[in-house]
PDB file of N, CA and C in Angstrom:
ATOM      1  N   MET A   1      -1.830 -10.100  13.536  1.00  0.00           N
ATOM      2  CA  MET A   1      -1.851  -9.066  13.329  1.00  0.00           C
ATOM      3  C   MET A   1      -2.793  -8.963  11.958  1.00  0.00           C
ATOM      4  N   LYS A   2      -3.399  -7.919  11.557  1.00  0.00           N
ATOM      5  CA  LYS A   2      -4.066  -8.066  10.156  1.00  0.00           C
ATOM      6  C   LYS A   2      -3.621  -7.543   9.283  1.00  0.00           C
ATOM      7  N   ASN A   3      -3.332  -7.785   7.848  1.00  0.00           N
ATOM      8  CA  ASN A   3      -2.945  -7.184   7.036  1.00  0.00           C
ATOM      9  C   ASN A   3      -3.529  -6.482   5.813  1.00  0.00           C
ATOM     10  N   PHE A   4      -3.391  -5.062   5.898  1.00  0.00           N
ATOM     11  CA  PHE A   4      -4.241  -3.632   5.314  1.00  0.00           C
ATOM     12  C   PHE A   4      -3.178  -3.417   4.212  1.00  0.00           C
ATOM     13  N   ILE A   5      -3.625  -3.468   3.018  1.00  0.00           N
ATOM     14  CA  ILE A   5      -2.688  -3.385   1.913  1.00  0.00           C
ATOM     15  C   ILE A   5      -3.608  -1.777   1.331  1.00  0.00           C
ATOM     16  N   PHE A   6      -2.509  -0.875   1.360  1.00  0.00           N
ATOM     17  CA  PHE A   6      -3.181   0.518   0.677  1.00  0.00           C
ATOM     18  C   PHE A   6      -2.308   0.773  -0.607  1.00  0.00           C
ATOM     19  N   ILE A   7      -3.589   0.660  -1.845  1.00  0.00           N
ATOM     20  CA  ILE A   7      -2.675   0.779  -3.037  1.00  0.00           C
ATOM     21  C   ILE A   7      -2.692   2.599  -3.249  1.00  0.00           C
ATOM     22  N   SER A   8      -1.334   3.094  -3.941  1.00  0.00           N
ATOM     23  CA  SER A   8      -1.236   4.337  -4.188  1.00  0.00           C
ATOM     24  C   SER A   8      -1.124   4.983  -2.761  1.00  0.00           C
ATOM     25  N   PRO A   9      -0.192   4.368  -1.704  1.00  0.00           N
ATOM     26  CA  PRO A   9      -0.048   5.120  -0.535  1.00  0.00           C
ATOM     27  C   PRO A   9       0.373   6.585  -0.569  1.00  0.00           C
ATOM     28  N   ASN A  10       1.141   6.835  -1.452  1.00  0.00           N
ATOM     29  CA  ASN A  10       1.561   8.373  -1.313  1.00  0.00           C
ATOM     30  C   ASN A  10       0.657   9.160  -1.837  1.00  0.00           C
ATOM     31  N   PHE A  11      -0.704   8.954  -2.499  1.00  0.00           N
ATOM     32  CA  PHE A  11      -1.773  10.023  -2.684  1.00  0.00           C
ATOM     33  C   PHE A  11      -2.819   9.708  -1.774  1.00  0.00           C
ATOM     34  N   PRO A  12      -3.334  10.841  -1.253  1.00  0.00           N
ATOM     35  CA  PRO A  12      -2.961  12.224  -1.365  1.00  0.00           C
ATOM     36  C   PRO A  12      -1.880  12.261  -0.697  1.00  0.00           C
ATOM     37  N   THR A  13      -0.513  13.292  -0.293  1.00  0.00           N
ATOM     38  CA  THR A  13       0.455  13.365   0.261  1.00  0.00           C
ATOM     39  C   THR A  13       0.367  13.442   1.719  1.00  0.00           C
ATOM     40  N   ASN A  14      -0.800  13.750   2.085  1.00  0.00           N
ATOM     41  CA  ASN A  14      -1.037  13.786   3.591  1.00  0.00           C
ATOM     42  C   ASN A  14      -1.516  12.423   4.389  1.00  0.00           C
ATOM     43  N   TYR A  15      -2.073  11.464   3.286  1.00  0.00           N
ATOM     44  CA  TYR A  15      -2.425  10.251   3.948  1.00  0.00           C
ATOM     45  C   TYR A  15      -1.431   9.315   4.113  1.00  0.00           C
ATOM     46  N   TRP A  16      -0.068   9.754   4.650  1.00  0.00           N
ATOM     47  CA  TRP A  16       0.891   8.905   5.212  1.00  0.00           C
ATOM     48  C   TRP A  16       0.324   9.177   6.769  1.00  0.00           C
ATOM     49  N   LYS A  17      -0.273   9.633   7.277  1.00  0.00           N
ATOM     50  CA  LYS A  17      -0.907  10.056   8.545  1.00  0.00           C
ATOM     51  C   LYS A  17      -1.853   8.478   8.823  1.00  0.00           C
ATOM     52  N   PHE A  18      -2.777   8.539   7.822  1.00  0.00           N
ATOM     53  CA  PHE A  18      -3.916   7.393   7.563  1.00  0.00           C
ATOM     54  C   PHE A  18      -2.913   6.062   8.026  1.00  0.00           C
ATOM     55  N   CYS A  19      -1.836   5.949   7.232  1.00  0.00           N
ATOM     56  CA  CYS A  19      -1.088   4.857   7.228  1.00  0.00           C
ATOM     57  C   CYS A  19      -0.415   4.810   8.736  1.00  0.00           C
ATOM     58  N   ARG A  20       0.262   5.635   8.925  1.00  0.00           N
ATOM     59  CA  ARG A  20       0.671   5.567  10.814  1.00  0.00           C
ATOM     60  C   ARG A  20      -0.087   5.237  11.378  1.00  0.00           C
ATOM     61  N   GLU A  21      -1.457   5.933  11.577  1.00  0.00           N
ATOM     62  CA  GLU A  21      -2.115   5.136  12.416  1.00  0.00           C
ATOM     63  C   GLU A  21      -2.968   3.807  12.199  1.00  0.00           C
ATOM     64  N   LEU A  22      -2.885   3.220  11.380  1.00  0.00           N
ATOM     65  CA  LEU A  22      -3.008   1.891  11.077  1.00  0.00           C
ATOM     66  C   LEU A  22      -2.065   0.968  11.866  1.00  0.00           C
ATOM     67  N   LYS A  23      -0.566   1.594  11.192  1.00  0.00           N
ATOM     68  CA  LYS A  23       0.439   1.074  12.236  1.00  0.00           C
ATOM     69  C   LYS A  23       0.151   1.240  13.410  1.00  0.00           C
ATOM     70  N   ASN A  24       0.165   2.325  14.234  1.00  0.00           N
ATOM     71  CA  ASN A  24      -0.099   2.460  15.610  1.00  0.00           C
ATOM     72  C   ASN A  24      -1.386   1.819  16.077  1.00  0.00           C
ATOM     73  N   ASN A  25      -2.319   1.212  15.300  1.00  0.00           N
ATOM     74  CA  ASN A  25      -3.454   0.157  16.013  1.00  0.00           C
ATOM     75  C   ASN A  25      -3.236  -1.546  15.685  1.00  0.00           C
ATOM     76  N   GLY A  26      -1.778  -1.756  15.278  1.00  0.00           N
ATOM     77  CA  GLY A  26      -1.362  -3.023  14.991  1.00  0.00           C
ATOM     78  C   GLY A  26      -1.687  -3.613  13.766  1.00  0.00           C
ATOM     79  N   MET A  27      -2.141  -2.760  12.832  1.00  0.00           N
ATOM     80  CA  MET A  27      -2.222  -3.131  11.246  1.00  0.00           C
ATOM     81  C   MET A  27      -0.508  -3.474  10.626  1.00  0.00           C
ATOM     82  N   ASN A  28      -0.710  -4.365   9.895  1.00  0.00           N
ATOM     83  CA  ASN A  28       0.493  -4.485   8.991  1.00  0.00           C
ATOM     84  C   ASN A  28       0.217  -3.724   7.778  1.00  0.00           C
ATOM     85  N   VAL A  29       1.075  -2.780   7.335  1.00  0.00           N
ATOM     86  CA  VAL A  29       0.477  -1.622   6.216  1.00  0.00           C
ATOM     87  C   VAL A  29       1.270  -2.216   4.909  1.00  0.00           C
ATOM     88  N   LEU A  30       0.732  -2.377   4.325  1.00  0.00           N
ATOM     89  CA  LEU A  30       1.681  -3.186   2.834  1.00  0.00           C
ATOM     90  C   LEU A  30       1.115  -2.276   1.818  1.00  0.00           C
ATOM     91  N   GLY A  31       2.102  -1.247   0.692  1.00  0.00           N
ATOM     92  CA  GLY A  31       1.890  -0.529   0.061  1.00  0.00           C
ATOM     93  C   GLY A  31       2.077  -1.208  -1.648  1.00  0.00           C
ATOM     94  N   ILE A  32       1.109  -0.793  -2.276  1.00  0.00           N
ATOM     95  CA  ILE A  32       1.358  -0.988  -3.629  1.00  0.00           C
ATOM     96  C   ILE A  32       1.385   0.258  -4.293  1.00  0.00           C
ATOM     97  N   GLY A  33       2.394   0.465  -5.273  1.00  0.00           N
ATOM     98  CA  GLY A  33       2.372   1.711  -5.849  1.00  0.00           C
ATOM     99  C   GLY A  33       3.367   1.650  -7.284  1.00  0.00           C
ATOM    100  N   ASP A  34       3.033   2.800  -7.822  1.00  0.00           N
ATOM    101  CA  ASP A  34       3.993   3.047  -9.272  1.00  0.00           C
ATOM    102  C   ASP A  34       4.848   3.821  -8.765  1.00  0.00           C
ATOM    103  N   GLN A  35       5.145   4.482  -7.876  1.00  0.00           N
ATOM    104  CA  GLN A  35       6.253   5.495  -7.672  1.00  0.00           C
ATOM    105  C   GLN A  35       7.519   4.754  -7.063  1.00  0.00           C
ATOM    106  N   PRO A  36       8.774   5.190  -7.380  1.00  0.00           N
ATOM    107  CA  PRO A  36       9.751   4.230  -6.649  1.00  0.00           C
ATOM    108  C   PRO A  36      10.125   4.473  -5.154  1.00  0.00           C
ATOM    109  N   TYR A  37      10.061   3.329  -4.458  1.00  0.00           N
ATOM    110  CA  TYR A  37      10.062   3.435  -2.999  1.00  0.00           C
ATOM    111  C   TYR A  37      11.052   4.963  -2.605  1.00  0.00           C
ATOM    112  N   ASP A  38      12.356   4.747  -3.119  1.00  0.00           N
ATOM    113  CA  ASP A  38      13.277   5.845  -2.726  1.00  0.00           C
ATOM    114  C   ASP A  38      12.281   7.309  -2.653  1.00  0.00           C
ATOM    115  N   GLU A  39      11.254   7.566  -3.532  1.00  0.00           N
ATOM    116  CA  GLU A  39      10.827   8.675  -3.992  1.00  0.00           C
ATOM    117  C   GLU A  39       9.818   9.037  -2.993  1.00  0.00           C
ATOM    118  N   LEU A  40       9.445   8.063  -2.108  1.00  0.00           N
ATOM    119  CA  LEU A  40       8.057   7.932  -1.214  1.00  0.00           C
ATOM    120  C   LEU A  40       8.380   9.103  -0.190  1.00  0.00           C
ATOM    121  N   ASP A  41       7.588   9.599   0.651  1.00  0.00           N
ATOM    122  CA  ASP A  41       7.726  10.416   1.750  1.00  0.00           C
ATOM    123  C   ASP A  41       8.567   9.780   2.566  1.00  0.00           C
ATOM    124  N   TYR A  42       9.504  10.088   3.512  1.00  0.00           N
ATOM    125  CA  TYR A  42      10.097   9.692   4.870  1.00  0.00           C
ATOM    126  C   TYR A  42       9.057   9.160   5.898  1.00  0.00           C
ATOM    127  N   HIS A  43       7.920   9.888   5.846  1.00  0.00           N
ATOM    128  CA  HIS A  43       6.868   9.549   6.872  1.00  0.00           C
ATOM    129  C   HIS A  43       6.281   8.283   6.467  1.00  0.00           C
ATOM    130  N   LEU A  44       5.822   8.184   5.101  1.00  0.00           N
ATOM    131  CA  LEU A  44       5.219   7.192   4.529  1.00  0.00           C
ATOM    132  C   LEU A  44       6.138   5.957   4.768  1.00  0.00           C
ATOM    133  N   LYS A  45       7.238   6.031   4.365  1.00  0.00           N
ATOM    134  CA  LYS A  45       8.064   4.840   4.552  1.00  0.00           C
ATOM    135  C   LYS A  45       8.284   4.020   5.931  1.00  0.00           C
ATOM    136  N   GLU A  46       7.872   5.283   6.874  1.00  0.00           N
ATOM    137  CA  GLU A  46       8.235   4.635   8.435  1.00  0.00           C
ATOM    138  C   GLU A  46       7.041   4.044   8.903  1.00  0.00           C
ATOM    139  N   SER A  47       5.852   4.376   7.999  1.00  0.00           N
ATOM    140  CA  SER A  47       4.535   3.948   8.218  1.00  0.00           C
ATOM    141  C   SER A  47       4.090   2.406   7.513  1.00  0.00           C
ATOM    142  N   LEU A  48       4.966   2.219   6.723  1.00  0.00           N
ATOM    143  CA  LEU A  48       4.461   1.147   5.704  1.00  0.00           C
ATOM    144  C   LEU A  48       5.563  -0.550   6.179  1.00  0.00           C
ATOM    145  N   HIS A  49       4.536  -1.459   6.479  1.00  0.00           N
ATOM    146  CA  HIS A  49       5.517  -2.784   6.730  1.00  0.00           C
ATOM    147  C   HIS A  49       6.644  -2.988   5.554  1.00  0.00           C
ATOM    148  N   GLU A  50       5.740  -2.629   4.085  1.00  0.00           N
ATOM    149  CA  GLU A  50       6.531  -3.108   2.923  1.00  0.00           C
ATOM    150  C   GLU A  50       5.867  -2.314   1.928  1.00  0.00           C
ATOM    151  N   TYR A  51       6.656  -2.368   0.859  1.00  0.00           N
ATOM    152  CA  TYR A  51       6.200  -1.699  -0.124  1.00  0.00           C
ATOM    153  C   TYR A  51       6.672  -2.373  -1.166  1.00  0.00           C
ATOM    154  N   TYR A  52       5.446  -2.460  -2.234  1.00  0.00           N
ATOM    155  CA  TYR A  52       5.642  -3.472  -3.689  1.00  0.00           C
ATOM    156  C   TYR A  52       5.572  -2.266  -4.901  1.00  0.00           C
ATOM    157  N   LYS A  53       6.582  -1.902  -5.570  1.00  0.00           N
ATOM    158  CA  LYS A  53       6.277  -1.061  -6.806  1.00  0.00           C
ATOM    159  C   LYS A  53       5.784  -1.991  -8.169  1.00  0.00           C
ATOM    160  N   VAL A  54       5.017  -1.399  -8.695  1.00  0.00           N
ATOM    161  CA  VAL A  54       4.289  -1.976  -9.920  1.00  0.00           C
ATOM    162  C   VAL A  54       5.036  -0.950 -10.938  1.00  0.00           C
ATOM    163  N   GLY A  55       5.264  -1.366 -12.016  1.00  0.00           N
ATOM    164  CA  GLY A  55       5.301  -0.624 -13.312  1.00  0.00           C
ATOM    165  C   GLY A  55       3.928   0.233 -13.517  1.00  0.00           C
ATOM    166  N   SER A  56       2.823   0.094 -13.344  1.00  0.00           N
ATOM    167  CA  SER A  56       1.570   0.465 -13.823  1.00  0.00           C
ATOM    168  C   SER A  56       0.442   0.035 -12.984  1.00  0.00           C
ATOM    169  N   LEU A  57      -0.377   0.735 -11.956  1.00  0.00           N
ATOM    170  CA  LEU A  57      -1.429   0.696 -11.355  1.00  0.00           C
ATOM    171  C   LEU A  57      -2.708  -0.139 -12.666  1.00  0.00           C
ATOM    172  N   GLU A  58      -2.496   0.338 -13.670  1.00  0.00           N
ATOM    173  CA  GLU A  58      -3.595  -0.163 -14.603  1.00  0.00           C
ATOM    174  C   GLU A  58      -3.124  -1.429 -15.266  1.00  0.00           C
ATOM    175  N   ASN A  59      -2.106  -1.689 -14.940  1.00  0.00           N
ATOM    176  CA  ASN A  59      -1.850  -3.300 -15.015  1.00  0.00           C
ATOM    177  C   ASN A  59      -2.099  -4.239 -14.133  1.00  0.00           C
ATOM    178  N   TYR A  60      -3.447  -5.163 -14.619  1.00  0.00           N
ATOM    179  CA  TYR A  60      -3.931  -6.031 -13.805  1.00  0.00           C
ATOM    180  C   TYR A  60      -3.530  -6.972 -13.183  1.00  0.00           C
ATOM    181  N   ASP A  61      -2.766  -7.717 -14.009  1.00  0.00           N
ATOM    182  CA  ASP A  61      -1.448  -8.856 -13.580  1.00  0.00           C
ATOM    183  C   ASP A  61      -0.883  -8.396 -12.410  1.00  0.00           C
ATOM    184  N   GLU A  62       0.042  -6.990 -12.859  1.00  0.00           N
ATOM    185  CA  GLU A  62       1.132  -6.624 -12.067  1.00  0.00           C
ATOM    186  C   GLU A  62       0.493  -6.573 -10.536  1.00  0.00           C
ATOM    187  N   VAL A  63      -0.731  -5.765 -10.309  1.00  0.00           N
ATOM    188  CA  VAL A  63      -1.375  -5.725  -9.142  1.00  0.00           C
ATOM    189  C   VAL A  63      -1.552  -6.889  -8.403  1.00  0.00           C
ATOM    190  N   TYR A  64      -2.089  -7.380  -9.385  1.00  0.00           N
ATOM    191  CA  TYR A  64      -2.513  -8.770  -8.719  1.00  0.00           C
ATOM    192  C   TYR A  64      -1.509  -9.919  -7.945  1.00  0.00           C
ATOM    193  N   ARG A  65      -0.160  -9.579  -8.912  1.00  0.00           N
ATOM    194  CA  ARG A  65       0.881 -10.426  -8.405  1.00  0.00           C
ATOM    195  C   ARG A  65       1.310  -9.726  -7.242  1.00  0.00           C
ATOM    196  N   ALA A  66       1.173  -8.804  -7.070  1.00  0.00           N
ATOM    197  CA  ALA A  66       1.514  -7.969  -5.657  1.00  0.00           C
ATOM    198  C   ALA A  66       1.117  -8.297  -4.736  1.00  0.00           C
ATOM    199  N   VAL A  67      -0.475  -8.065  -4.885  1.00  0.00           N
ATOM    200  CA  VAL A  67      -1.593  -8.692  -3.686  1.00  0.00           C
ATOM    201  C   VAL A  67      -1.196 -10.259  -3.417  1.00  0.00           C
ATOM    202  N   ALA A  68      -1.075 -10.669  -4.405  1.00  0.00           N
ATOM    203  CA  ALA A  68      -0.473 -12.356  -4.168  1.00  0.00           C
ATOM    204  C   ALA A  68       0.682 -12.607  -3.423  1.00  0.00           C
ATOM    205  N   PHE A  69       1.643 -11.574  -3.891  1.00  0.00           N
ATOM    206  CA  PHE A  69       2.808 -12.241  -2.876  1.00  0.00           C
ATOM    207  C   PHE A  69       2.813 -11.447  -1.840  1.00  0.00           C
ATOM    208  N   PHE A  70       2.051 -10.468  -1.324  1.00  0.00           N
ATOM    209  CA  PHE A  70       1.686 -10.102   0.290  1.00  0.00           C
ATOM    210  C   PHE A  70       1.006 -11.229   0.831  1.00  0.00           C
ATOM    211  N   ALA A  71      -0.065 -11.649   0.102  1.00  0.00           N
ATOM    212  CA  ALA A  71      -0.638 -12.680   0.803  1.00  0.00           C
ATOM    213  C   ALA A  71       0.112 -13.941   1.070  1.00  0.00           C
ATOM    214  N   PHE A  72       0.918 -14.356  -0.136  1.00  0.00           N
ATOM    215  CA  PHE A  72       2.076 -15.419   0.273  1.00  0.00           C
ATOM    216  C   PHE A  72       2.766 -15.080   1.797  1.00  0.00           C
ATOM    217  N   LYS A  73       3.186 -14.020   1.470  1.00  0.00           N
ATOM    218  CA  LYS A  73       4.159 -13.578   2.804  1.00  0.00           C
ATOM    219  C   LYS A  73       3.574 -13.569   4.102  1.00  0.00           C
ATOM    220  N   TYR A  74       2.497 -12.798   3.968  1.00  0.00           N
ATOM    221  CA  TYR A  74       2.099 -12.293   5.327  1.00  0.00           C
ATOM    222  C   TYR A  74       0.853 -12.789   5.977  1.00  0.00           C
ATOM    223  N   GLY A  75       0.198 -13.616   4.665  1.00  0.00           N
ATOM    224  CA  GLY A  75      -1.378 -14.625   5.061  1.00  0.00           C
ATOM    225  C   GLY A  75      -2.062 -13.984   4.606  1.00  0.00           C
ATOM    226  N   PRO A  76      -3.432 -14.132   4.808  1.00  0.00           N
ATOM    227  CA  PRO A  76      -4.924 -13.650   4.318  1.00  0.00           C
ATOM    228  C   PRO A  76      -4.709 -11.929   4.406  1.00  0.00           C
ATOM    229  N   ILE A  77      -5.330 -11.210   3.527  1.00  0.00           N
ATOM    230  CA  ILE A  77      -5.309  -9.945   3.246  1.00  0.00           C
ATOM    231  C   ILE A  77      -6.911  -9.302   3.787  1.00  0.00           C
ATOM    232  N   ASP A  78      -6.944  -8.815   5.236  1.00  0.00           N
ATOM    233  CA  ASP A  78      -8.014  -8.030   5.781  1.00  0.00           C
ATOM    234  C   ASP A  78      -8.612  -7.047   5.155  1.00  0.00           C
ATOM    235  N   TRP A  79      -7.957  -6.327   4.448  1.00  0.00           N
ATOM    236  CA  TRP A  79      -8.318  -4.906   3.872  1.00  0.00           C
ATOM    237  C   TRP A  79      -7.444  -4.526   2.401  1.00  0.00           C
ATOM    238  N   LEU A  80      -8.530  -4.080   1.688  1.00  0.00           N
ATOM    239  CA  LEU A  80      -7.725  -3.325   0.251  1.00  0.00           C
ATOM    240  C   LEU A  80      -8.279  -1.807   0.323  1.00  0.00           C
ATOM    241  N   GLU A  81      -7.234  -0.906   0.149  1.00  0.00           N
ATOM    242  CA  GLU A  81      -7.971   0.107  -0.130  1.00  0.00           C
ATOM    243  C   GLU A  81      -7.028   1.335  -1.006  1.00  0.00           C
ATOM    244  N   SER A  82      -7.679   2.288  -1.505  1.00  0.00           N
ATOM    245  CA  SER A  82      -6.925   3.643  -2.177  1.00  0.00           C
ATOM    246  C   SER A  82      -7.732   4.656  -2.048  1.00  0.00           C
ATOM    247  N   ASN A  83      -7.294   5.657  -1.595  1.00  0.00           N
ATOM    248  CA  ASN A  83      -7.793   6.955  -1.487  1.00  0.00           C
ATOM    249  C   ASN A  83      -7.578   7.802  -2.973  1.00  0.00           C
ATOM    250  N   ASN A  84      -7.008   7.057  -4.042  1.00  0.00           N
ATOM    251  CA  ASN A  84      -6.466   7.991  -4.893  1.00  0.00           C
ATOM    252  C   ASN A  84      -7.915   8.058  -5.697  1.00  0.00           C
ATOM    253  N   GLU A  85      -8.093   9.168  -5.974  1.00  0.00           N
ATOM    254  CA  GLU A  85      -9.487   9.621  -6.852  1.00  0.00           C
ATOM    255  C   GLU A  85      -9.442   9.106  -8.491  1.00  0.00           C
ATOM    256  N   TYR A  86      -8.294   8.439  -8.510  1.00  0.00           N
ATOM    257  CA  TYR A  86      -7.943   8.155  -9.967  1.00  0.00           C
ATOM    258  C   TYR A  86      -9.072   6.910 -10.222  1.00  0.00           C
ATOM    259  N   TRP A  87      -9.211   6.355  -9.268  1.00  0.00           N
ATOM    260  CA  TRP A  87      -9.786   4.966  -9.366  1.00  0.00           C
ATOM    261  C   TRP A  87     -11.425   5.383  -9.238  1.00  0.00           C
ATOM    262  N   LEU A  88     -11.982   6.244  -8.940  1.00  0.00           N
ATOM    263  CA  LEU A  88     -13.056   6.459  -8.846  1.00  0.00           C
ATOM    264  C   LEU A  88     -13.842   5.924 -10.066  1.00  0.00           C
ATOM    265  N   GLU A  89     -13.439   6.252 -11.147  1.00  0.00           N
ATOM    266  CA  GLU A  89     -14.157   5.606 -12.298  1.00  0.00           C
ATOM    267  C   GLU A  89     -14.413   4.420 -12.615  1.00  0.00           C
TER     268      GLU A  89
END
């Protein structure tokens, strides 16, 4: 199984469908975000294998530790993606 990390998977709100289709195609979908897990959309939670909450996505060390945790637990990370326009800068 390939490991796909989606940073800020809750934005945009309809992208849970993207996560669902990744999961349906055999990907291990792992989310990293700053929104509490309990506040994520139900469909998104069902589409993620695991979610790692960080205090701030601007904190490089926190996000790095989240990616390292997933790599340690699930093996090599095959893809890392974010569709949050915030990152375009």
